[in-house]
Amino acid sequence: FASGSGPGIEYLDSDGSKKSKEYSLTDGVLDGPYTEYQSSGSALAQQ
């Protein structure tokens, strides 16, 4: 974060490194591009 806003990555519990989602928060609220991945951690699920 920088002054309440910033990008982040959410990971799958089963692995601890495979990406589940990528999105940005502004003051704790979803705001900006959103990407969700399939269970492989690389294939796209929705954007």
All heavy atoms as atom14 arrays in JSON, in Angstrom:
{
  "sequence": "FASGSGPGIEYLDSDGSKKSKEYSLTDGVLDGPYTEYQSSGSALAQQ",
  "atom14_mask": [
    [1, 1, 1, 1, 1, 1, 1, 1, 1, 1, 1, 0, 0, 0],
    [1, 1, 1, 1, 1, 0, 0, 0, 0, 0, 0, 0, 0, 0],
    [1, 1, 1, 1, 1, 1, 0, 0, 0, 0, 0, 0, 0, 0],
    [1, 1, 1, 1, 0, 0, 0, 0, 0, 0, 0, 0, 0, 0],
    [1, 1, 1, 1, 1, 1, 0, 0, 0, 0, 0, 0, 0, 0],
    [1, 1, 1, 1, 0, 0, 0, 0, 0, 0, 0, 0, 0, 0],
    [1, 1, 1, 1, 1, 1, 1, 0, 0, 0, 0, 0, 0, 0],
    [1, 1, 1, 1, 0, 0, 0, 0, 0, 0, 0, 0, 0, 0],
    [1, 1, 1, 1, 1, 1, 1, 1, 0, 0, 0, 0, 0, 0],
    [1, 1, 1, 1, 1, 1, 1, 1, 1, 0, 0, 0, 0, 0],
    [1, 1, 1, 1, 1, 1, 1, 1, 1, 1, 1, 1, 0, 0],
    [1, 1, 1, 1, 1, 1, 1, 1, 0, 0, 0, 0, 0, 0],
    [1, 1, 1, 1, 1, 1, 1, 1, 0, 0, 0, 0, 0, 0],
    [1, 1, 1, 1, 1, 1, 0, 0, 0, 0, 0, 0, 0, 0],
    [1, 1, 1, 1, 1, 1, 1, 1, 0, 0, 0, 0, 0, 0],
    [1, 1, 1, 1, 0, 0, 0, 0, 0, 0, 0, 0, 0, 0],
    [1, 1, 1, 1, 1, 1, 0, 0, 0, 0, 0, 0, 0, 0],
    [1, 1, 1, 1, 1, 1, 1, 1, 1, 0, 0, 0, 0, 0],
    [1, 1, 1, 1, 1, 1, 1, 1, 1, 0, 0, 0, 0, 0],
    [1, 1, 1, 1, 1, 1, 0, 0, 0, 0, 0, 0, 0, 0],
    [1, 1, 1, 1, 1, 1, 1, 1, 1, 0, 0, 0, 0, 0],
    [1, 1, 1, 1, 1, 1, 1, 1, 1, 0, 0, 0, 0, 0],
    [1, 1, 1, 1, 1, 1, 1, 1, 1, 1, 1, 1, 0, 0],
    [1, 1, 1, 1, 1, 1, 0, 0, 0, 0, 0, 0, 0, 0],
    [1, 1, 1, 1, 1, 1, 1, 1, 0, 0, 0, 0, 0, 0],
    [1, 1, 1, 1, 1, 1, 1, 0, 0, 0, 0, 0, 0, 0],
    [1, 1, 1, 1, 1, 1, 1, 1, 0, 0, 0, 0, 0, 0],
    [1, 1, 1, 1, 0, 0, 0, 0, 0, 0, 0, 0, 0, 0],
    [1, 1, 1, 1, 1, 1, 1, 0, 0, 0, 0, 0, 0, 0],
    [1, 1, 1, 1, 1, 1, 1, 1, 0, 0, 0, 0, 0, 0],
    [1, 1, 1, 1, 1, 1, 1, 1, 0, 0, 0, 0, 0, 0],
    [1, 1, 1, 1, 0, 0, 0, 0, 0, 0, 0, 0, 0, 0],
    [1, 1, 1, 1, 1, 1, 1, 0, 0, 0, 0, 0, 0, 0],
    [1, 1, 1, 1, 1, 1, 1, 1, 1, 1, 1, 1, 0, 0],
    [1, 1, 1, 1, 1, 1, 1, 0, 0, 0, 0, 0, 0, 0],
    [1, 1, 1, 1, 1, 1, 1, 1, 1, 0, 0, 0, 0, 0],
    [1, 1, 1, 1, 1, 1, 1, 1, 1, 1, 1, 1, 0, 0],
    [1, 1, 1, 1, 1, 1, 1, 1, 1, 0, 0, 0, 0, 0],
    [1, 1, 1, 1, 1, 1, 0, 0, 0, 0, 0, 0, 0, 0],
    [1, 1, 1, 1, 1, 1, 0, 0, 0, 0, 0, 0, 0, 0],
    [1, 1, 1, 1, 0, 0, 0, 0, 0, 0, 0, 0, 0, 0],
    [1, 1, 1, 1, 1, 1, 0, 0, 0, 0, 0, 0, 0, 0],
    [1, 1, 1, 1, 1, 0, 0, 0, 0, 0, 0, 0, 0, 0],
    [1, 1, 1, 1, 1, 1, 1, 1, 0, 0, 0, 0, 0, 0],
    [1, 1, 1, 1, 1, 0, 0, 0, 0, 0, 0, 0, 0, 0],
    [1, 1, 1, 1, 1, 1, 1, 1, 1, 0, 0, 0, 0, 0],
    [1, 1, 1, 1, 1, 1, 1, 1, 1, 0, 0, 0, 0, 0]
  ],
  "atom14_positions": [
    [[0.81, -1.21, 0.0], [0.0, 0.0, 0.0], [0.85, 1.27, 0.0], [1.97, 1.29, 0.53], [-0.9, 0.04, 1.24], [-2.01, -0.96, 1.23], [-1.94, -2.1, 2.03], [-3.13, -0.77, 0.44], [-2.97, -3.03, 2.03], [-4.17, -1.68, 0.44], [-4.09, -2.82, 1.23], [0.0, 0.0, 0.0], [0.0, 0.0, 0.0], [0.0, 0.0, 0.0]],
    [[0.28, 2.29, -0.58], [0.84, 3.65, -0.5], [-0.34, 4.57, -0.21], [-1.22, 4.74, -1.06], [1.52, 4.04, -1.8], [0.0, 0.0, 0.0], [0.0, 0.0, 0.0], [0.0, 0.0, 0.0], [0.0, 0.0, 0.0], [0.0, 0.0, 0.0], [0.0, 0.0, 0.0], [0.0, 0.0, 0.0], [0.0, 0.0, 0.0], [0.0, 0.0, 0.0]],
    [[-0.39, 5.1, 1.0], [-1.48, 5.99, 1.42], [-2.86, 5.38, 1.2], [-3.77, 6.01, 0.69], [-1.39, 7.33, 0.67], [-0.18, 7.98, 1.01], [0.0, 0.0, 0.0], [0.0, 0.0, 0.0], [0.0, 0.0, 0.0], [0.0, 0.0, 0.0], [0.0, 0.0, 0.0], [0.0, 0.0, 0.0], [0.0, 0.0, 0.0], [0.0, 0.0, 0.0]],
    [[-3.01, 4.11, 1.57], [-4.31, 3.46, 1.56], [-4.69, 2.74, 0.28], [-5.72, 2.06, 0.24], [0.0, 0.0, 0.0], [0.0, 0.0, 0.0], [0.0, 0.0, 0.0], [0.0, 0.0, 0.0], [0.0, 0.0, 0.0], [0.0, 0.0, 0.0], [0.0, 0.0, 0.0], [0.0, 0.0, 0.0], [0.0, 0.0, 0.0], [0.0, 0.0, 0.0]],
    [[-3.92, 2.89, -0.78], [-4.23, 2.25, -2.06], [-3.07, 1.37, -2.51], [-1.91, 1.72, -2.29], [-4.51, 3.31, -3.14], [-5.62, 4.11, -2.78], [0.0, 0.0, 0.0], [0.0, 0.0, 0.0], [0.0, 0.0, 0.0], [0.0, 0.0, 0.0], [0.0, 0.0, 0.0], [0.0, 0.0, 0.0], [0.0, 0.0, 0.0], [0.0, 0.0, 0.0]],
    [[-3.42, 0.26, -3.15], [-2.35, -0.58, -3.66], [-2.82, -1.9, -4.21], [-3.91, -2.38, -3.87], [0.0, 0.0, 0.0], [0.0, 0.0, 0.0], [0.0, 0.0, 0.0], [0.0, 0.0, 0.0], [0.0, 0.0, 0.0], [0.0, 0.0, 0.0], [0.0, 0.0, 0.0], [0.0, 0.0, 0.0], [0.0, 0.0, 0.0], [0.0, 0.0, 0.0]],
    [[-1.99, -2.52, -5.06], [-2.32, -3.8, -5.65], [-1.93, -4.95, -4.74], [-1.06, -4.82, -3.87], [-1.48, -3.81, -6.93], [-0.25, -3.04, -6.52], [-0.73, -1.96, -5.58], [0.0, 0.0, 0.0], [0.0, 0.0, 0.0], [0.0, 0.0, 0.0], [0.0, 0.0, 0.0], [0.0, 0.0, 0.0], [0.0, 0.0, 0.0], [0.0, 0.0, 0.0]],
    [[-2.59, -6.09, -4.96], [-2.26, -7.25, -4.16], [-2.57, -8.54, -4.88], [-3.19, -8.56, -5.94], [0.0, 0.0, 0.0], [0.0, 0.0, 0.0], [0.0, 0.0, 0.0], [0.0, 0.0, 0.0], [0.0, 0.0, 0.0], [0.0, 0.0, 0.0], [0.0, 0.0, 0.0], [0.0, 0.0, 0.0], [0.0, 0.0, 0.0], [0.0, 0.0, 0.0]],
    [[-2.1, -9.62, -4.28], [-2.31, -10.96, -4.83], [-2.85, -11.86, -3.74], [-2.41, -11.8, -2.59], [-1.0, -11.55, -5.37], [-0.42, -10.67, -6.49], [-1.21, -12.97, -5.89], [0.93, -11.12, -6.98], [0.0, 0.0, 0.0], [0.0, 0.0, 0.0], [0.0, 0.0, 0.0], [0.0, 0.0, 0.0], [0.0, 0.0, 0.0], [0.0, 0.0, 0.0]],
    [[-3.83, -12.69, -4.1], [-4.39, -13.68, -3.19], [-3.94, -15.06, -3.68], [-3.9, -15.32, -4.88], [-5.91, -13.6, -3.2], [-6.58, -14.34, -2.06], [-8.04, -13.97, -1.91], [-8.35, -12.76, -2.01], [-8.85, -14.87, -1.68], [0.0, 0.0, 0.0], [0.0, 0.0, 0.0], [0.0, 0.0, 0.0], [0.0, 0.0, 0.0], [0.0, 0.0, 0.0]],
    [[-3.58, -15.95, -2.72], [-3.0, -17.24, -3.07], [-3.89, -18.41, -2.63], [-4.7, -18.28, -1.72], [-1.62, -17.4, -2.42], [-0.61, -16.38, -2.89], [-0.48, -15.15, -2.24], [0.2, -16.63, -3.99], [0.43, -14.2, -2.69], [1.14, -15.69, -4.42], [1.24, -14.48, -3.77], [2.14, -13.55, -4.2], [0.0, 0.0, 0.0], [0.0, 0.0, 0.0]],
    [[-3.67, -19.56, -3.3], [-4.41, -20.78, -2.95], [-3.81, -21.41, -1.7], [-2.6, -21.52, -1.57], [-4.33, -21.79, -4.1], [-5.01, -21.36, -5.41], [-4.62, -22.31, -6.54], [-6.51, -21.33, -5.23], [0.0, 0.0, 0.0], [0.0, 0.0, 0.0], [0.0, 0.0, 0.0], [0.0, 0.0, 0.0], [0.0, 0.0, 0.0], [0.0, 0.0, 0.0]],
    [[-4.65, -21.83, -0.75], [-4.18, -22.41, 0.5], [-3.39, -23.69, 0.27], [-2.43, -23.99, 0.97], [-5.38, -22.7, 1.4], [-4.97, -23.15, 2.8], [-3.84, -22.82, 3.2], [-5.77, -23.8, 3.48], [0.0, 0.0, 0.0], [0.0, 0.0, 0.0], [0.0, 0.0, 0.0], [0.0, 0.0, 0.0], [0.0, 0.0, 0.0], [0.0, 0.0, 0.0]],
    [[-3.78, -24.47, -0.74], [-3.16, -25.78, -0.96], [-1.69, -25.69, -1.33], [-0.94, -26.64, -1.14], [-3.9, -26.53, -2.08], [-3.86, -25.78, -3.29], [0.0, 0.0, 0.0], [0.0, 0.0, 0.0], [0.0, 0.0, 0.0], [0.0, 0.0, 0.0], [0.0, 0.0, 0.0], [0.0, 0.0, 0.0], [0.0, 0.0, 0.0], [0.0, 0.0, 0.0]],
    [[-1.27, -24.55, -1.85], [0.09, -24.42, -2.33], [0.87, -23.32, -1.6], [2.01, -23.51, -1.22], [0.09, -24.15, -3.84], [1.48, -24.06, -4.42], [2.05, -25.1, -4.78], [2.02, -22.94, -4.47], [0.0, 0.0, 0.0], [0.0, 0.0, 0.0], [0.0, 0.0, 0.0], [0.0, 0.0, 0.0], [0.0, 0.0, 0.0], [0.0, 0.0, 0.0]],
    [[0.23, -22.18, -1.42], [0.92, -21.08, -0.75], [1.66, -20.18, -1.69], [2.24, -19.18, -1.27], [0.0, 0.0, 0.0], [0.0, 0.0, 0.0], [0.0, 0.0, 0.0], [0.0, 0.0, 0.0], [0.0, 0.0, 0.0], [0.0, 0.0, 0.0], [0.0, 0.0, 0.0], [0.0, 0.0, 0.0], [0.0, 0.0, 0.0], [0.0, 0.0, 0.0]],
    [[1.71, -20.55, -2.99], [2.38, -19.68, -3.96], [1.57, -19.5, -5.24], [1.77, -18.54, -5.96], [3.76, -20.25, -4.31], [3.64, -21.51, -4.92], [0.0, 0.0, 0.0], [0.0, 0.0, 0.0], [0.0, 0.0, 0.0], [0.0, 0.0, 0.0], [0.0, 0.0, 0.0], [0.0, 0.0, 0.0], [0.0, 0.0, 0.0], [0.0, 0.0, 0.0]],
    [[0.66, -20.42, -5.54], [-0.16, -20.29, -6.74], [-1.16, -19.15, -6.56], [-1.85, -19.06, -5.56], [-0.92, -21.59, -7.03], [-0.03, -22.74, -7.47], [-0.88, -23.98, -7.74], [-0.02, -25.15, -8.18], [-0.83, -26.37, -8.41], [0.0, 0.0, 0.0], [0.0, 0.0, 0.0], [0.0, 0.0, 0.0], [0.0, 0.0, 0.0], [0.0, 0.0, 0.0]],
    [[-1.25, -18.31, -7.59], [-2.16, -17.17, -7.51], [-3.61, -17.61, -7.64], [-3.95, -18.46, -8.45], [-1.82, -16.15, -8.59], [-0.51, -15.44, -8.39], [-0.31, -14.33, -9.4], [-0.11, -14.87, -10.79], [0.24, -13.79, -11.75], [0.0, 0.0, 0.0], [0.0, 0.0, 0.0], [0.0, 0.0, 0.0], [0.0, 0.0, 0.0], [0.0, 0.0, 0.0]],
    [[-4.47, -17.01, -6.84], [-5.9, -17.21, -6.93], [-6.59, -15.99, -7.53], [-7.45, -16.11, -8.4], [-6.49, -17.49, -5.54], [-7.89, -17.51, -5.56], [0.0, 0.0, 0.0], [0.0, 0.0, 0.0], [0.0, 0.0, 0.0], [0.0, 0.0, 0.0], [0.0, 0.0, 0.0], [0.0, 0.0, 0.0], [0.0, 0.0, 0.0], [0.0, 0.0, 0.0]],
    [[-6.17, -14.79, -7.07], [-6.77, -13.54, -7.54], [-5.73, -12.43, -7.51], [-4.8, -12.45, -6.7], [-7.96, -13.13, -6.66], [-9.06, -14.15, -6.57], [-10.09, -13.75, -5.51], [-11.15, -14.83, -5.33], [-12.09, -14.49, -4.23], [0.0, 0.0, 0.0], [0.0, 0.0, 0.0], [0.0, 0.0, 0.0], [0.0, 0.0, 0.0], [0.0, 0.0, 0.0]],
    [[-5.92, -11.44, -8.37], [-5.15, -10.2, -8.34], [-6.13, -9.04, -8.42], [-7.02, -9.03, -9.27], [-4.18, -10.13, -9.52], [-3.01, -11.08, -9.42], [-2.0, -10.87, -10.55], [-2.19, -11.48, -11.6], [-1.04, -10.1, -10.34], [0.0, 0.0, 0.0], [0.0, 0.0, 0.0], [0.0, 0.0, 0.0], [0.0, 0.0, 0.0], [0.0, 0.0, 0.0]],
    [[-5.97, -8.06, -7.52], [-6.88, -6.92, -7.5], [-6.27, -5.8, -6.68], [-5.24, -5.98, -6.03], [-8.25, -7.31, -6.94], [-8.21, -8.03, -5.61], [-8.25, -7.33, -4.41], [-8.13, -9.42, -5.55], [-8.23, -7.98, -3.19], [-8.11, -10.09, -4.34], [-8.15, -9.37, -3.16], [-8.12, -10.03, -1.94], [0.0, 0.0, 0.0], [0.0, 0.0, 0.0]],
    [[-6.91, -4.66, -6.7], [-6.43, -3.5, -5.95], [-7.47, -3.07, -4.92], [-8.67, -3.25, -5.12], [-6.14, -2.32, -6.89], [-5.06, -2.61, -7.74], [0.0, 0.0, 0.0], [0.0, 0.0, 0.0], [0.0, 0.0, 0.0], [0.0, 0.0, 0.0], [0.0, 0.0, 0.0], [0.0, 0.0, 0.0], [0.0, 0.0, 0.0], [0.0, 0.0, 0.0]],
    [[-6.99, -2.5, -3.83], [-7.85, -1.98, -2.78], [-7.58, -0.5, -2.57], [-6.43, -0.05, -2.68], [-7.6, -2.71, -1.45], [-7.94, -4.2, -1.38], [-7.51, -4.77, -0.04], [-9.42, -4.44, -1.61], [0.0, 0.0, 0.0], [0.0, 0.0, 0.0], [0.0, 0.0, 0.0], [0.0, 0.0, 0.0], [0.0, 0.0, 0.0], [0.0, 0.0, 0.0]],
    [[-8.64, 0.24, -2.29], [-8.53, 1.64, -1.89], [-9.3, 1.8, -0.6], [-10.51, 1.61, -0.57], [-9.11, 2.57, -2.97], [-8.35, 2.43, -4.18], [-9.02, 4.03, -2.5], [0.0, 0.0, 0.0], [0.0, 0.0, 0.0], [0.0, 0.0, 0.0], [0.0, 0.0, 0.0], [0.0, 0.0, 0.0], [0.0, 0.0, 0.0], [0.0, 0.0, 0.0]],
    [[-8.58, 2.06, 0.47], [-9.19, 2.16, 1.8], [-10.01, 0.91, 2.12], [-11.13, 0.99, 2.65], [-10.05, 3.41, 1.9], [-9.22, 4.68, 1.85], [-8.04, 4.63, 2.22], [-9.75, 5.73, 1.43], [0.0, 0.0, 0.0], [0.0, 0.0, 0.0], [0.0, 0.0, 0.0], [0.0, 0.0, 0.0], [0.0, 0.0, 0.0], [0.0, 0.0, 0.0]],
    [[-9.46, -0.26, 1.78], [-10.09, -1.53, 2.1], [-11.2, -1.97, 1.17], [-11.83, -3.0, 1.4], [0.0, 0.0, 0.0], [0.0, 0.0, 0.0], [0.0, 0.0, 0.0], [0.0, 0.0, 0.0], [0.0, 0.0, 0.0], [0.0, 0.0, 0.0], [0.0, 0.0, 0.0], [0.0, 0.0, 0.0], [0.0, 0.0, 0.0], [0.0, 0.0, 0.0]],
    [[-11.44, -1.21, 0.11], [-12.53, -1.51, -0.82], [-11.97, -1.88, -2.19], [-11.03, -1.24, -2.68], [-13.48, -0.3, -0.95], [-14.57, -0.57, -1.97], [-14.1, 0.02, 0.41], [0.0, 0.0, 0.0], [0.0, 0.0, 0.0], [0.0, 0.0, 0.0], [0.0, 0.0, 0.0], [0.0, 0.0, 0.0], [0.0, 0.0, 0.0], [0.0, 0.0, 0.0]],
    [[-12.56, -2.92, -2.82], [-12.15, -3.3, -4.17], [-12.32, -2.12, -5.11], [-13.39, -1.52, -5.19], [-12.99, -4.47, -4.66], [-12.66, -5.86, -4.08], [-13.8, -6.83, -4.34], [-11.37, -6.38, -4.7], [0.0, 0.0, 0.0], [0.0, 0.0, 0.0], [0.0, 0.0, 0.0], [0.0, 0.0, 0.0], [0.0, 0.0, 0.0], [0.0, 0.0, 0.0]],
    [[-11.26, -1.81, -5.87], [-11.31, -0.66, -6.75], [-10.24, -0.82, -7.82], [-9.05, -0.73, -7.54], [-11.08, 0.61, -5.94], [-11.54, 1.86, -6.68], [-12.64, 1.84, -7.25], [-10.79, 2.86, -6.67], [0.0, 0.0, 0.0], [0.0, 0.0, 0.0], [0.0, 0.0, 0.0], [0.0, 0.0, 0.0], [0.0, 0.0, 0.0], [0.0, 0.0, 0.0]],
    [[-10.67, -1.08, -9.05], [-9.72, -1.24, -10.14], [-9.84, -2.6, -10.81], [-10.78, -3.36, -10.56], [0.0, 0.0, 0.0], [0.0, 0.0, 0.0], [0.0, 0.0, 0.0], [0.0, 0.0, 0.0], [0.0, 0.0, 0.0], [0.0, 0.0, 0.0], [0.0, 0.0, 0.0], [0.0, 0.0, 0.0], [0.0, 0.0, 0.0], [0.0, 0.0, 0.0]],
    [[-8.89, -2.94, -11.7], [-8.92, -4.21, -12.42], [-8.91, -5.41, -11.47], [-8.25, -5.38, -10.42], [-7.64, -4.17, -13.26], [-7.33, -2.73, -13.41], [-7.76, -2.09, -12.12], [0.0, 0.0, 0.0], [0.0, 0.0, 0.0], [0.0, 0.0, 0.0], [0.0, 0.0, 0.0], [0.0, 0.0, 0.0], [0.0, 0.0, 0.0], [0.0, 0.0, 0.0]],
    [[-9.65, -6.45, -11.86], [-9.77, -7.65, -11.05], [-9.55, -8.87, -11.95], [-10.14, -8.98, -13.02], [-11.16, -7.71, -10.43], [-11.46, -8.97, -9.61], [-11.29, -8.96, -8.23], [-11.91, -10.12, -10.23], [-11.58, -10.09, -7.48], [-12.2, -11.26, -9.48], [-12.03, -11.24, -8.11], [-12.31, -12.35, -7.37], [0.0, 0.0, 0.0], [0.0, 0.0, 0.0]],
    [[-8.68, -9.79, -11.52], [-8.41, -11.02, -12.26], [-8.5, -12.21, -11.32], [-7.91, -12.19, -10.23], [-7.01, -11.01, -12.91], [-6.92, -9.9, -13.81], [-6.74, -12.3, -13.67], [0.0, 0.0, 0.0], [0.0, 0.0, 0.0], [0.0, 0.0, 0.0], [0.0, 0.0, 0.0], [0.0, 0.0, 0.0], [0.0, 0.0, 0.0], [0.0, 0.0, 0.0]],
    [[-9.24, -13.23, -11.73], [-9.35, -14.45, -10.95], [-8.81, -15.61, -11.78], [-9.05, -15.69, -13.0], [-10.79, -14.72, -10.57], [-10.99, -15.89, -9.61], [-12.4, -15.98, -9.07], [-13.12, -14.96, -9.09], [-12.78, -17.08, -8.64], [0.0, 0.0, 0.0], [0.0, 0.0, 0.0], [0.0, 0.0, 0.0], [0.0, 0.0, 0.0], [0.0, 0.0, 0.0]],
    [[-8.06, -16.51, -11.12], [-7.42, -17.63, -11.82], [-8.08, -18.96, -11.48], [-8.71, -19.11, -10.43], [-5.93, -17.7, -11.45], [-5.15, -16.47, -11.86], [-5.02, -15.38, -11.0], [-4.57, -16.38, -13.12], [-4.32, -14.24, -11.38], [-3.86, -15.25, -13.51], [-3.74, -14.19, -12.64], [-3.06, -13.07, -13.02], [0.0, 0.0, 0.0], [0.0, 0.0, 0.0]],
    [[-7.91, -19.93, -12.38], [-8.39, -21.27, -12.13], [-7.45, -21.97, -11.15], [-6.43, -21.43, -10.74], [-8.52, -22.03, -13.45], [-9.51, -21.35, -14.4], [-9.7, -22.11, -15.69], [-9.67, -23.34, -15.72], [-9.91, -21.38, -16.79], [0.0, 0.0, 0.0], [0.0, 0.0, 0.0], [0.0, 0.0, 0.0], [0.0, 0.0, 0.0], [0.0, 0.0, 0.0]],
    [[-7.8, -23.19, -10.76], [-7.06, -23.88, -9.7], [-5.59, -24.13, -10.03], [-4.78, -24.39, -9.14], [-7.74, -25.21, -9.37], [-7.82, -26.04, -10.51], [0.0, 0.0, 0.0], [0.0, 0.0, 0.0], [0.0, 0.0, 0.0], [0.0, 0.0, 0.0], [0.0, 0.0, 0.0], [0.0, 0.0, 0.0], [0.0, 0.0, 0.0], [0.0, 0.0, 0.0]],
    [[-5.23, -24.03, -11.3], [-3.82, -24.21, -11.69], [-2.96, -23.05, -11.21], [-1.75, -23.18, -11.08], [-3.72, -24.31, -13.21], [-4.11, -23.09, -13.83], [0.0, 0.0, 0.0], [0.0, 0.0, 0.0], [0.0, 0.0, 0.0], [0.0, 0.0, 0.0], [0.0, 0.0, 0.0], [0.0, 0.0, 0.0], [0.0, 0.0, 0.0], [0.0, 0.0, 0.0]],
    [[-3.6, -21.91, -10.96], [-2.87, -20.74, -10.5], [-2.34, -19.88, -11.63], [-1.74, -18.83, -11.4], [0.0, 0.0, 0.0], [0.0, 0.0, 0.0], [0.0, 0.0, 0.0], [0.0, 0.0, 0.0], [0.0, 0.0, 0.0], [0.0, 0.0, 0.0], [0.0, 0.0, 0.0], [0.0, 0.0, 0.0], [0.0, 0.0, 0.0], [0.0, 0.0, 0.0]],
    [[-2.56, -20.3, -12.89], [-2.08, -19.52, -14.03], [-3.17, -19.27, -15.07], [-3.21, -18.22, -15.7], [-0.88, -20.2, -14.68], [-1.23, -21.51, -15.11], [0.0, 0.0, 0.0], [0.0, 0.0, 0.0], [0.0, 0.0, 0.0], [0.0, 0.0, 0.0], [0.0, 0.0, 0.0], [0.0, 0.0, 0.0], [0.0, 0.0, 0.0], [0.0, 0.0, 0.0]],
    [[-4.05, -20.26, -15.28], [-5.11, -20.11, -16.27], [-6.18, -19.14, -15.78], [-6.6, -19.19, -14.62], [-5.76, -21.47, -16.58], [0.0, 0.0, 0.0], [0.0, 0.0, 0.0], [0.0, 0.0, 0.0], [0.0, 0.0, 0.0], [0.0, 0.0, 0.0], [0.0, 0.0, 0.0], [0.0, 0.0, 0.0], [0.0, 0.0, 0.0], [0.0, 0.0, 0.0]],
    [[-6.62, -18.25, -16.66], [-7.62, -17.25, -16.3], [-8.98, -17.88, -16.05], [-9.38, -18.81, -16.74], [-7.74, -16.21, -17.41], [-6.53, -15.3, -17.64], [-6.76, -14.47, -18.89], [-6.28, -14.41, -16.44], [0.0, 0.0, 0.0], [0.0, 0.0, 0.0], [0.0, 0.0, 0.0], [0.0, 0.0, 0.0], [0.0, 0.0, 0.0], [0.0, 0.0, 0.0]],
    [[-9.72, -17.32, -15.07], [-11.09, -17.74, -14.79], [-12.07, -16.61, -15.12], [-13.09, -16.85, -15.76], [-11.24, -18.15, -13.34], [0.0, 0.0, 0.0], [0.0, 0.0, 0.0], [0.0, 0.0, 0.0], [0.0, 0.0, 0.0], [0.0, 0.0, 0.0], [0.0, 0.0, 0.0], [0.0, 0.0, 0.0], [0.0, 0.0, 0.0], [0.0, 0.0, 0.0]],
    [[-11.75, -15.39, -14.69], [-12.57, -14.24, -15.05], [-11.8, -12.95, -14.85], [-10.86, -12.88, -14.05], [-13.89, -14.2, -14.27], [-13.75, -13.99, -12.78], [-15.1, -13.79, -12.1], [-16.06, -13.3, -12.7], [-15.19, -14.16, -10.83], [0.0, 0.0, 0.0], [0.0, 0.0, 0.0], [0.0, 0.0, 0.0], [0.0, 0.0, 0.0], [0.0, 0.0, 0.0]],
    [[-12.21, -11.91, -15.58], [-11.58, -10.6, -15.48], [-12.65, -9.52, -15.58], [-13.67, -9.69, -16.27], [-10.57, -10.39, -16.6], [-9.28, -11.17, -16.44], [-8.28, -10.87, -17.55], [-8.62, -10.96, -18.73], [-7.07, -10.51, -17.18], [0.0, 0.0, 0.0], [0.0, 0.0, 0.0], [0.0, 0.0, 0.0], [0.0, 0.0, 0.0], [0.0, 0.0, 0.0]]
  ]
}
